Protein backbone atom coordinates (compact mmCIF):
# COMPACT_ATOMS: atom_id res chain seq x y z
CA MET A 1 -8.21 4.38 15.60
CA GLN A 2 -8.99 2.23 18.62
CA LEU A 3 -8.10 -1.45 18.80
CA ASP A 4 -8.63 -3.66 21.85
CA LEU A 5 -7.50 -7.19 22.61
CA ILE A 6 -10.42 -9.00 24.20
CA GLU A 7 -10.30 -12.74 24.92
CA GLY A 8 -7.66 -13.35 22.26
CA LYS A 9 -9.42 -11.40 19.51
CA VAL A 10 -8.62 -8.00 18.01
CA TRP A 11 -11.64 -5.73 18.35
CA ILE A 12 -11.71 -2.75 16.01
CA GLN A 13 -13.68 -0.24 18.08
CA HIS A 14 -13.15 2.88 15.99
CA ASN A 15 -11.36 3.79 12.78
CA SER A 16 -11.43 7.35 11.48
CA THR A 17 -8.46 6.82 9.16
CA GLU A 18 -8.31 5.92 5.49
CA ILE A 19 -6.67 2.58 6.37
CA VAL A 20 -8.88 -0.49 5.98
CA ILE A 21 -7.50 -1.85 9.21
CA ASP A 22 -9.06 -5.33 9.05
CA ARG A 23 -7.39 -5.99 5.68
CA GLU A 24 -4.12 -4.63 7.03
CA LEU A 25 -4.31 -6.95 10.05
CA VAL A 26 -5.04 -9.99 7.85
CA GLY A 27 -2.12 -9.03 5.64
CA ARG A 28 0.10 -9.04 8.71
CA GLY A 29 -0.93 -12.55 9.76
CA ILE A 30 -4.00 -12.11 11.98
CA ALA A 31 -6.67 -14.69 11.12
CA PRO A 32 -9.92 -13.11 9.91
CA GLN A 33 -11.90 -15.04 12.54
CA ASP A 34 -9.78 -13.31 15.22
CA ILE A 35 -10.90 -9.84 14.12
CA VAL A 36 -14.14 -8.37 15.45
CA LEU A 37 -15.70 -5.22 14.03
CA GLY A 38 -16.71 -3.79 17.38
CA PHE A 39 -18.18 -0.63 15.86
CA ARG A 40 -20.85 -2.73 14.11
CA ALA A 41 -24.05 -3.96 15.77
CA PRO A 42 -23.88 -7.60 16.96
CA LYS A 43 -26.40 -8.74 14.30
CA VAL A 44 -24.33 -7.12 11.55
CA ARG A 45 -21.16 -8.76 12.90
CA GLU A 46 -22.89 -12.16 12.78
CA ARG A 47 -23.87 -11.65 9.13
CA LEU A 48 -20.39 -10.47 8.18
CA ALA A 49 -18.83 -13.49 9.91
CA ALA A 50 -21.17 -15.81 7.97
CA LEU A 51 -20.23 -14.14 4.69
CA GLN A 52 -16.56 -14.41 5.56
CA LYS A 53 -16.91 -18.16 6.20
CA ASN A 54 -18.68 -18.67 2.86
CA ILE A 55 -16.02 -16.75 0.97
CA GLY A 56 -13.23 -18.67 2.67
CA SER A 57 -14.77 -22.07 1.88
CA LYS A 58 -14.98 -21.57 -1.89
CA PRO A 59 -12.21 -23.20 -4.00
């Protein structure tokens, strides 16, 4: 697993474990918008961020 702190965000660069690290980080208090899936292409990250915003805005 490789995590980097870049400009105040947690970048998940690599994860070869069975842990879903982004869920674990959110569970420990890191805001989802402060987590970047660095191993994904930038276009995919943009789409995932948009989905995340839509999910978070529903009642």
